[in-house]
């Protein structure tokens, strides 16, 4: 676990490990939480896209890789979606680790497979499906 931003209010290492383990217990994953500047730089360099994105995954071996989470983007998205920050972090950790396992979302079929896996894993963690229509109760 690497924090390149202040840790106050962020999920702790034990929680992040739990979310990673929910996807795969046999992977070696480095999670790094970064600010907007580093997120922007990485997204530009590796995806040739402007601005930071919420999560980037870098597989570098069988069962190994890095997942980079951009706190500024994640916090903004959580506010916009009216969901708890930790819940959104859990979703994006699961999403990033699934990318390391070979999941993608380039086609509709790939996206449906990945979203289904995310929903099942998050349900095991006691968290709601991030793709379900928001119920009025949750607001």
N, C-alpha and C. Protein backbone atom coordinates (compact mmCIF):
# COMPACT_ATOMS: atom_id res chain seq x y z
N UNK A 1 0.84 -1.17 0.00
CA UNK A 1 0.00 0.00 0.00
C UNK A 1 0.89 1.24 0.00
N UNK A 2 0.60 2.13 -0.89
CA UNK A 2 1.35 3.38 -0.97
C UNK A 2 0.36 4.54 -1.01
N UNK A 3 0.60 5.50 -0.17
CA UNK A 3 -0.23 6.70 -0.13
C UNK A 3 0.63 7.89 -0.56
N UNK A 4 0.29 8.49 -1.69
CA UNK A 4 0.99 9.68 -2.16
C UNK A 4 0.17 10.94 -1.85
N UNK A 5 -0.86 10.76 -1.04
CA UNK A 5 -1.72 11.86 -0.58
C UNK A 5 -1.92 11.66 0.92
N UNK A 6 -2.43 12.69 1.59
CA UNK A 6 -2.71 12.58 3.02
C UNK A 6 -3.71 11.45 3.25
N UNK A 7 -3.48 10.65 4.26
CA UNK A 7 -4.29 9.45 4.52
C UNK A 7 -5.59 9.74 5.25
N UNK A 8 -5.73 10.92 5.80
CA UNK A 8 -6.93 11.22 6.59
C UNK A 8 -8.20 11.00 5.77
N UNK A 9 -9.09 10.17 6.29
CA UNK A 9 -10.36 9.89 5.63
C UNK A 9 -10.30 8.83 4.56
N UNK A 10 -9.12 8.29 4.28
CA UNK A 10 -8.98 7.26 3.25
C UNK A 10 -9.05 5.87 3.89
N UNK A 11 -9.40 4.87 3.10
CA UNK A 11 -9.38 3.51 3.62
C UNK A 11 -7.96 3.14 4.06
N UNK A 12 -7.86 2.42 5.15
CA UNK A 12 -6.57 2.00 5.67
C UNK A 12 -6.04 0.78 4.96
N UNK A 13 -4.78 0.45 5.21
CA UNK A 13 -4.15 -0.69 4.54
C UNK A 13 -4.90 -2.02 4.74
N UNK A 14 -5.39 -2.28 5.93
CA UNK A 14 -6.10 -3.56 6.18
C UNK A 14 -7.37 -3.64 5.34
N UNK A 15 -8.07 -2.54 5.23
CA UNK A 15 -9.30 -2.52 4.43
C UNK A 15 -8.98 -2.70 2.95
N UNK A 16 -7.97 -2.01 2.47
CA UNK A 16 -7.56 -2.15 1.07
C UNK A 16 -7.14 -3.58 0.77
N UNK A 17 -6.40 -4.21 1.68
CA UNK A 17 -5.98 -5.61 1.49
C UNK A 17 -7.20 -6.53 1.43
N UNK A 18 -8.18 -6.27 2.28
CA UNK A 18 -9.41 -7.09 2.29
C UNK A 18 -10.11 -7.00 0.94
N UNK A 19 -10.21 -5.80 0.38
CA UNK A 19 -10.87 -5.64 -0.91
C UNK A 19 -10.09 -6.34 -2.02
N UNK A 20 -8.77 -6.26 -1.98
CA UNK A 20 -7.95 -6.97 -2.98
C UNK A 20 -8.14 -8.49 -2.85
N UNK A 21 -8.10 -8.96 -1.62
CA UNK A 21 -8.23 -10.40 -1.38
C UNK A 21 -9.59 -10.93 -1.81
N UNK A 22 -10.60 -10.08 -1.80
CA UNK A 22 -11.94 -10.51 -2.23
C UNK A 22 -11.93 -10.87 -3.72
N UNK A 23 -11.00 -10.31 -4.47
CA UNK A 23 -10.87 -10.62 -5.90
C UNK A 23 -9.98 -11.85 -6.08
N UNK A 24 -8.85 -11.85 -5.40
CA UNK A 24 -7.90 -12.95 -5.55
C UNK A 24 -6.92 -12.94 -4.38
N UNK A 25 -6.83 -14.06 -3.70
CA UNK A 25 -5.91 -14.15 -2.57
C UNK A 25 -4.48 -14.48 -2.99
N UNK A 26 -4.31 -14.94 -4.22
CA UNK A 26 -2.98 -15.39 -4.63
C UNK A 26 -2.24 -14.38 -5.51
N UNK A 27 -2.73 -13.16 -5.58
CA UNK A 27 -2.07 -12.14 -6.39
C UNK A 27 -1.19 -11.26 -5.51
N UNK A 28 -0.16 -10.72 -6.12
CA UNK A 28 0.70 -9.73 -5.47
C UNK A 28 0.39 -8.39 -6.12
N UNK A 29 -0.30 -7.55 -5.36
CA UNK A 29 -0.77 -6.28 -5.89
C UNK A 29 -0.21 -5.14 -5.06
N UNK A 30 0.29 -4.12 -5.73
CA UNK A 30 0.65 -2.88 -5.06
C UNK A 30 -0.45 -1.88 -5.37
N UNK A 31 -1.06 -1.33 -4.33
CA UNK A 31 -2.05 -0.27 -4.49
C UNK A 31 -1.37 1.04 -4.16
N UNK A 32 -1.58 2.04 -5.00
CA UNK A 32 -1.01 3.37 -4.77
C UNK A 32 -2.13 4.39 -4.93
N UNK A 33 -2.33 5.19 -3.91
CA UNK A 33 -3.32 6.26 -3.96
C UNK A 33 -2.58 7.56 -4.22
N UNK A 34 -2.95 8.22 -5.31
CA UNK A 34 -2.22 9.40 -5.78
C UNK A 34 -3.14 10.61 -5.84
N UNK A 35 -2.53 11.77 -6.00
CA UNK A 35 -3.25 13.01 -6.20
C UNK A 35 -3.50 13.25 -7.69
N UNK A 36 -4.19 14.35 -7.99
CA UNK A 36 -4.57 14.66 -9.37
C UNK A 36 -3.36 14.83 -10.28
N UNK A 37 -2.30 15.45 -9.81
CA UNK A 37 -1.12 15.68 -10.66
C UNK A 37 -0.51 14.36 -11.13
N UNK A 38 -0.26 13.46 -10.19
CA UNK A 38 0.33 12.17 -10.58
C UNK A 38 -0.67 11.37 -11.42
N UNK A 39 -1.94 11.41 -11.07
CA UNK A 39 -2.95 10.71 -11.85
C UNK A 39 -3.01 11.21 -13.29
N UNK A 40 -2.93 12.52 -13.46
CA UNK A 40 -2.94 13.13 -14.79
C UNK A 40 -1.70 12.69 -15.58
N UNK A 41 -0.56 12.72 -14.93
CA UNK A 41 0.70 12.35 -15.60
C UNK A 41 0.67 10.88 -16.05
N UNK A 42 0.21 9.99 -15.18
CA UNK A 42 0.16 8.57 -15.53
C UNK A 42 -0.85 8.29 -16.64
N UNK A 43 -2.00 8.93 -16.57
CA UNK A 43 -3.03 8.72 -17.59
C UNK A 43 -2.55 9.22 -18.95
N UNK A 44 -1.85 10.33 -18.95
CA UNK A 44 -1.30 10.89 -20.19
C UNK A 44 -0.22 9.97 -20.75
N UNK A 45 0.67 9.53 -19.89
CA UNK A 45 1.80 8.72 -20.35
C UNK A 45 1.39 7.33 -20.84
N UNK A 46 0.50 6.67 -20.10
CA UNK A 46 0.19 5.27 -20.42
C UNK A 46 -1.08 5.07 -21.22
N UNK A 47 -2.01 6.03 -21.16
CA UNK A 47 -3.25 5.88 -21.93
C UNK A 47 -3.42 6.96 -22.98
N UNK A 48 -2.48 7.91 -23.00
CA UNK A 48 -2.53 9.02 -23.97
C UNK A 48 -3.85 9.80 -23.85
N UNK A 49 -4.34 9.95 -22.61
CA UNK A 49 -5.57 10.69 -22.36
C UNK A 49 -5.28 11.84 -21.41
N UNK A 50 -5.98 12.94 -21.62
CA UNK A 50 -5.79 14.13 -20.79
C UNK A 50 -6.53 13.98 -19.47
N UNK A 51 -5.96 14.54 -18.42
CA UNK A 51 -6.60 14.56 -17.11
C UNK A 51 -6.44 13.24 -16.38
N UNK A 52 -6.65 13.28 -15.09
CA UNK A 52 -6.55 12.06 -14.29
C UNK A 52 -7.79 11.19 -14.47
N UNK A 53 -7.65 9.91 -14.23
CA UNK A 53 -8.78 8.98 -14.23
C UNK A 53 -8.86 8.34 -12.86
N UNK A 54 -9.95 7.67 -12.56
CA UNK A 54 -10.13 7.12 -11.22
C UNK A 54 -9.19 5.97 -10.89
N UNK A 55 -8.98 5.05 -11.84
CA UNK A 55 -8.14 3.88 -11.55
C UNK A 55 -7.37 3.48 -12.80
N UNK A 56 -6.13 3.11 -12.60
CA UNK A 56 -5.28 2.56 -13.66
C UNK A 56 -4.69 1.25 -13.15
N UNK A 57 -4.61 0.27 -14.03
CA UNK A 57 -4.04 -1.03 -13.67
C UNK A 57 -2.86 -1.34 -14.57
N UNK A 58 -1.80 -1.87 -13.94
CA UNK A 58 -0.58 -2.19 -14.66
C UNK A 58 -0.16 -3.62 -14.33
N UNK A 59 -0.62 -4.59 -15.12
CA UNK A 59 -0.16 -5.97 -14.89
C UNK A 59 1.30 -6.10 -15.31
N UNK A 60 2.10 -6.83 -14.54
CA UNK A 60 3.50 -7.00 -14.93
C UNK A 60 4.01 -8.41 -14.67
N UNK A 61 3.14 -9.33 -14.57
CA UNK A 61 3.54 -10.71 -14.39
C UNK A 61 2.32 -11.53 -14.05
N UNK A 62 2.46 -12.80 -14.12
CA UNK A 62 1.32 -13.67 -13.80
C UNK A 62 0.97 -13.49 -12.32
N UNK A 63 -0.21 -12.94 -12.08
CA UNK A 63 -0.67 -12.75 -10.71
C UNK A 63 -0.02 -11.58 -10.00
N UNK A 64 0.54 -10.63 -10.74
CA UNK A 64 1.17 -9.47 -10.14
C UNK A 64 0.80 -8.21 -10.89
N UNK A 65 0.82 -7.08 -10.18
CA UNK A 65 0.58 -5.82 -10.85
C UNK A 65 0.38 -4.68 -9.88
N UNK A 66 0.24 -3.51 -10.45
CA UNK A 66 0.01 -2.28 -9.69
C UNK A 66 -1.37 -1.74 -10.04
N UNK A 67 -2.04 -1.21 -9.03
CA UNK A 67 -3.30 -0.50 -9.23
C UNK A 67 -3.11 0.89 -8.64
N UNK A 68 -3.34 1.89 -9.46
CA UNK A 68 -3.19 3.29 -9.05
C UNK A 68 -4.58 3.91 -8.97
N UNK A 69 -4.90 4.46 -7.81
CA UNK A 69 -6.19 5.09 -7.56
C UNK A 69 -5.97 6.59 -7.38
N UNK A 70 -6.72 7.41 -8.10
CA UNK A 70 -6.58 8.85 -7.99
C UNK A 70 -7.64 9.40 -7.03
N UNK A 71 -7.18 9.80 -5.86
CA UNK A 71 -8.10 10.24 -4.82
C UNK A 71 -8.99 11.40 -5.26
N UNK A 72 -8.45 12.38 -5.94
CA UNK A 72 -9.24 13.55 -6.34
C UNK A 72 -10.43 13.14 -7.21
N UNK A 73 -10.19 12.25 -8.14
CA UNK A 73 -11.26 11.79 -9.04
C UNK A 73 -12.26 10.94 -8.27
N UNK A 74 -11.77 10.02 -7.46
CA UNK A 74 -12.65 9.12 -6.71
C UNK A 74 -13.54 9.92 -5.75
N UNK A 75 -12.96 10.89 -5.07
CA UNK A 75 -13.75 11.71 -4.14
C UNK A 75 -14.83 12.50 -4.89
N UNK A 76 -14.46 13.07 -6.03
CA UNK A 76 -15.43 13.83 -6.84
C UNK A 76 -16.56 12.93 -7.33
N UNK A 77 -16.22 11.73 -7.80
CA UNK A 77 -17.23 10.80 -8.29
C UNK A 77 -18.15 10.34 -7.16
N UNK A 78 -17.58 10.05 -6.00
CA UNK A 78 -18.41 9.61 -4.87
C UNK A 78 -19.42 10.69 -4.49
N UNK A 79 -18.97 11.93 -4.44
CA UNK A 79 -19.90 13.04 -4.14
C UNK A 79 -20.99 13.13 -5.20
N UNK A 80 -20.60 13.07 -6.47
CA UNK A 80 -21.57 13.19 -7.56
C UNK A 80 -22.57 12.05 -7.56
N UNK A 81 -22.12 10.85 -7.16
CA UNK A 81 -22.99 9.68 -7.13
C UNK A 81 -23.71 9.51 -5.80
N UNK A 82 -23.41 10.42 -4.87
CA UNK A 82 -24.03 10.40 -3.53
C UNK A 82 -23.84 9.05 -2.85
N UNK A 83 -22.60 8.59 -2.89
CA UNK A 83 -22.29 7.33 -2.22
C UNK A 83 -21.11 7.55 -1.28
N UNK A 84 -21.01 6.72 -0.25
CA UNK A 84 -19.88 6.84 0.67
C UNK A 84 -18.55 6.65 -0.05
N UNK A 85 -17.57 7.45 0.34
CA UNK A 85 -16.25 7.38 -0.28
C UNK A 85 -15.67 5.97 -0.21
N UNK A 86 -15.77 5.33 0.94
CA UNK A 86 -15.21 3.98 1.09
C UNK A 86 -15.87 2.99 0.14
N UNK A 87 -17.16 3.15 -0.08
CA UNK A 87 -17.89 2.26 -0.99
C UNK A 87 -17.36 2.41 -2.42
N UNK A 88 -17.10 3.64 -2.82
CA UNK A 88 -16.58 3.88 -4.17
C UNK A 88 -15.15 3.36 -4.29
N UNK A 89 -14.34 3.56 -3.25
CA UNK A 89 -12.99 3.01 -3.24
C UNK A 89 -13.04 1.49 -3.39
N UNK A 90 -13.91 0.84 -2.64
CA UNK A 90 -14.01 -0.63 -2.72
C UNK A 90 -14.29 -1.07 -4.15
N UNK A 91 -15.26 -0.39 -4.78
CA UNK A 91 -15.60 -0.73 -6.16
C UNK A 91 -14.38 -0.58 -7.07
N UNK A 92 -13.66 0.51 -6.94
CA UNK A 92 -12.54 0.76 -7.85
C UNK A 92 -11.33 -0.12 -7.56
N UNK A 93 -11.13 -0.51 -6.32
CA UNK A 93 -10.08 -1.49 -6.02
C UNK A 93 -10.43 -2.81 -6.69
N UNK A 94 -11.66 -3.27 -6.52
CA UNK A 94 -12.11 -4.51 -7.15
C UNK A 94 -11.96 -4.40 -8.67
N UNK A 95 -12.40 -3.29 -9.24
CA UNK A 95 -12.32 -3.06 -10.68
C UNK A 95 -10.86 -3.14 -11.15
N UNK A 96 -9.97 -2.45 -10.45
CA UNK A 96 -8.56 -2.44 -10.83
C UNK A 96 -7.91 -3.81 -10.75
N UNK A 97 -8.22 -4.56 -9.69
CA UNK A 97 -7.62 -5.89 -9.54
C UNK A 97 -8.19 -6.86 -10.58
N UNK A 98 -9.48 -6.70 -10.91
CA UNK A 98 -10.03 -7.53 -11.98
C UNK A 98 -9.30 -7.27 -13.31
N UNK A 99 -8.94 -6.02 -13.57
CA UNK A 99 -8.14 -5.74 -14.78
C UNK A 99 -6.83 -6.52 -14.74
N UNK A 100 -6.20 -6.60 -13.57
CA UNK A 100 -4.95 -7.36 -13.45
C UNK A 100 -5.18 -8.84 -13.76
N UNK A 101 -6.39 -9.31 -13.51
CA UNK A 101 -6.72 -10.72 -13.77
C UNK A 101 -7.17 -10.94 -15.21
N UNK A 102 -7.13 -9.89 -16.03
CA UNK A 102 -7.45 -10.05 -17.43
C UNK A 102 -8.84 -9.59 -17.85
N UNK A 103 -9.63 -9.11 -16.92
CA UNK A 103 -10.95 -8.60 -17.28
C UNK A 103 -10.80 -7.27 -18.00
N UNK A 104 -11.75 -6.99 -18.89
CA UNK A 104 -11.76 -5.73 -19.61
C UNK A 104 -13.18 -5.27 -19.84
N UNK A 105 -13.31 -4.12 -20.51
CA UNK A 105 -14.64 -3.60 -20.80
C UNK A 105 -14.66 -2.86 -22.14
N UNK A 106 -13.89 -3.39 -23.08
CA UNK A 106 -13.83 -2.78 -24.42
C UNK A 106 -15.08 -3.08 -25.23
N UNK A 107 -15.66 -4.25 -25.05
CA UNK A 107 -16.89 -4.61 -25.77
C UNK A 107 -18.03 -4.72 -24.76
N UNK A 108 -19.25 -4.74 -25.27
CA UNK A 108 -20.42 -4.90 -24.38
C UNK A 108 -20.36 -6.21 -23.61
N UNK A 109 -19.94 -7.27 -24.29
CA UNK A 109 -19.85 -8.58 -23.62
C UNK A 109 -18.80 -8.57 -22.52
N UNK A 110 -17.63 -7.98 -22.79
CA UNK A 110 -16.58 -7.88 -21.77
C UNK A 110 -17.06 -7.04 -20.59
N UNK A 111 -17.71 -5.93 -20.89
CA UNK A 111 -18.20 -5.04 -19.83
C UNK A 111 -19.23 -5.75 -18.96
N UNK A 112 -20.13 -6.50 -19.59
CA UNK A 112 -21.16 -7.22 -18.83
C UNK A 112 -20.51 -8.27 -17.92
N UNK A 113 -19.51 -8.97 -18.43
CA UNK A 113 -18.79 -9.98 -17.62
C UNK A 113 -18.09 -9.33 -16.44
N UNK A 114 -17.41 -8.21 -16.70
CA UNK A 114 -16.66 -7.54 -15.64
C UNK A 114 -17.61 -6.93 -14.61
N UNK A 115 -18.66 -6.27 -15.06
CA UNK A 115 -19.62 -5.67 -14.13
C UNK A 115 -20.29 -6.73 -13.27
N UNK A 116 -20.60 -7.88 -13.85
CA UNK A 116 -21.18 -8.98 -13.08
C UNK A 116 -20.22 -9.47 -12.01
N UNK A 117 -18.95 -9.61 -12.37
CA UNK A 117 -17.95 -10.05 -11.39
C UNK A 117 -17.81 -9.01 -10.27
N UNK A 118 -17.77 -7.73 -10.65
CA UNK A 118 -17.68 -6.67 -9.64
C UNK A 118 -18.85 -6.73 -8.67
N UNK A 119 -20.06 -6.85 -9.21
CA UNK A 119 -21.26 -6.88 -8.36
C UNK A 119 -21.23 -8.07 -7.42
N UNK A 120 -20.83 -9.25 -7.91
CA UNK A 120 -20.77 -10.44 -7.05
C UNK A 120 -19.74 -10.28 -5.93
N UNK A 121 -18.57 -9.77 -6.28
CA UNK A 121 -17.50 -9.59 -5.28
C UNK A 121 -17.93 -8.57 -4.24
N UNK A 122 -18.47 -7.44 -4.68
CA UNK A 122 -18.91 -6.41 -3.74
C UNK A 122 -20.04 -6.92 -2.85
N UNK A 123 -20.93 -7.73 -3.39
CA UNK A 123 -22.01 -8.32 -2.58
C UNK A 123 -21.43 -9.18 -1.47
N UNK A 124 -20.39 -9.96 -1.78
CA UNK A 124 -19.73 -10.78 -0.75
C UNK A 124 -19.12 -9.90 0.34
N UNK A 125 -18.76 -8.67 -0.01
CA UNK A 125 -18.21 -7.73 0.97
C UNK A 125 -19.32 -6.95 1.68
N UNK A 126 -20.58 -7.23 1.33
CA UNK A 126 -21.70 -6.54 1.95
C UNK A 126 -21.97 -5.17 1.35
N UNK A 127 -21.50 -4.95 0.12
CA UNK A 127 -21.66 -3.64 -0.53
C UNK A 127 -22.63 -3.75 -1.70
N UNK A 128 -23.31 -2.66 -2.02
CA UNK A 128 -24.28 -2.69 -3.11
C UNK A 128 -23.64 -2.76 -4.49
N UNK A 129 -24.45 -3.18 -5.45
CA UNK A 129 -24.06 -3.23 -6.85
C UNK A 129 -23.86 -1.80 -7.35
N UNK A 130 -22.66 -1.44 -7.78
CA UNK A 130 -22.42 -0.06 -8.21
C UNK A 130 -23.13 0.28 -9.52
N UNK A 131 -23.62 -0.72 -10.23
CA UNK A 131 -24.28 -0.49 -11.51
C UNK A 131 -25.80 -0.50 -11.39
N UNK A 132 -26.32 -0.84 -10.22
CA UNK A 132 -27.77 -0.86 -10.03
C UNK A 132 -28.29 0.57 -9.97
N UNK A 133 -29.51 0.74 -10.40
CA UNK A 133 -30.14 2.06 -10.32
C UNK A 133 -30.26 2.42 -8.85
N UNK A 134 -29.87 3.61 -8.52
CA UNK A 134 -29.87 4.08 -7.12
C UNK A 134 -31.29 4.13 -6.59
N UNK A 135 -31.47 3.54 -5.41
CA UNK A 135 -32.81 3.58 -4.79
C UNK A 135 -32.95 4.87 -3.98
N UNK A 136 -34.18 5.39 -3.88
CA UNK A 136 -34.39 6.61 -3.10
C UNK A 136 -33.94 6.47 -1.65
N UNK A 137 -34.01 5.23 -1.12
CA UNK A 137 -33.63 4.96 0.27
C UNK A 137 -32.16 5.32 0.54
N UNK A 138 -31.31 5.09 -0.46
CA UNK A 138 -29.87 5.25 -0.30
C UNK A 138 -29.45 6.72 -0.32
N UNK A 139 -30.26 7.58 -0.85
CA UNK A 139 -29.90 9.00 -0.97
C UNK A 139 -29.83 9.68 0.33
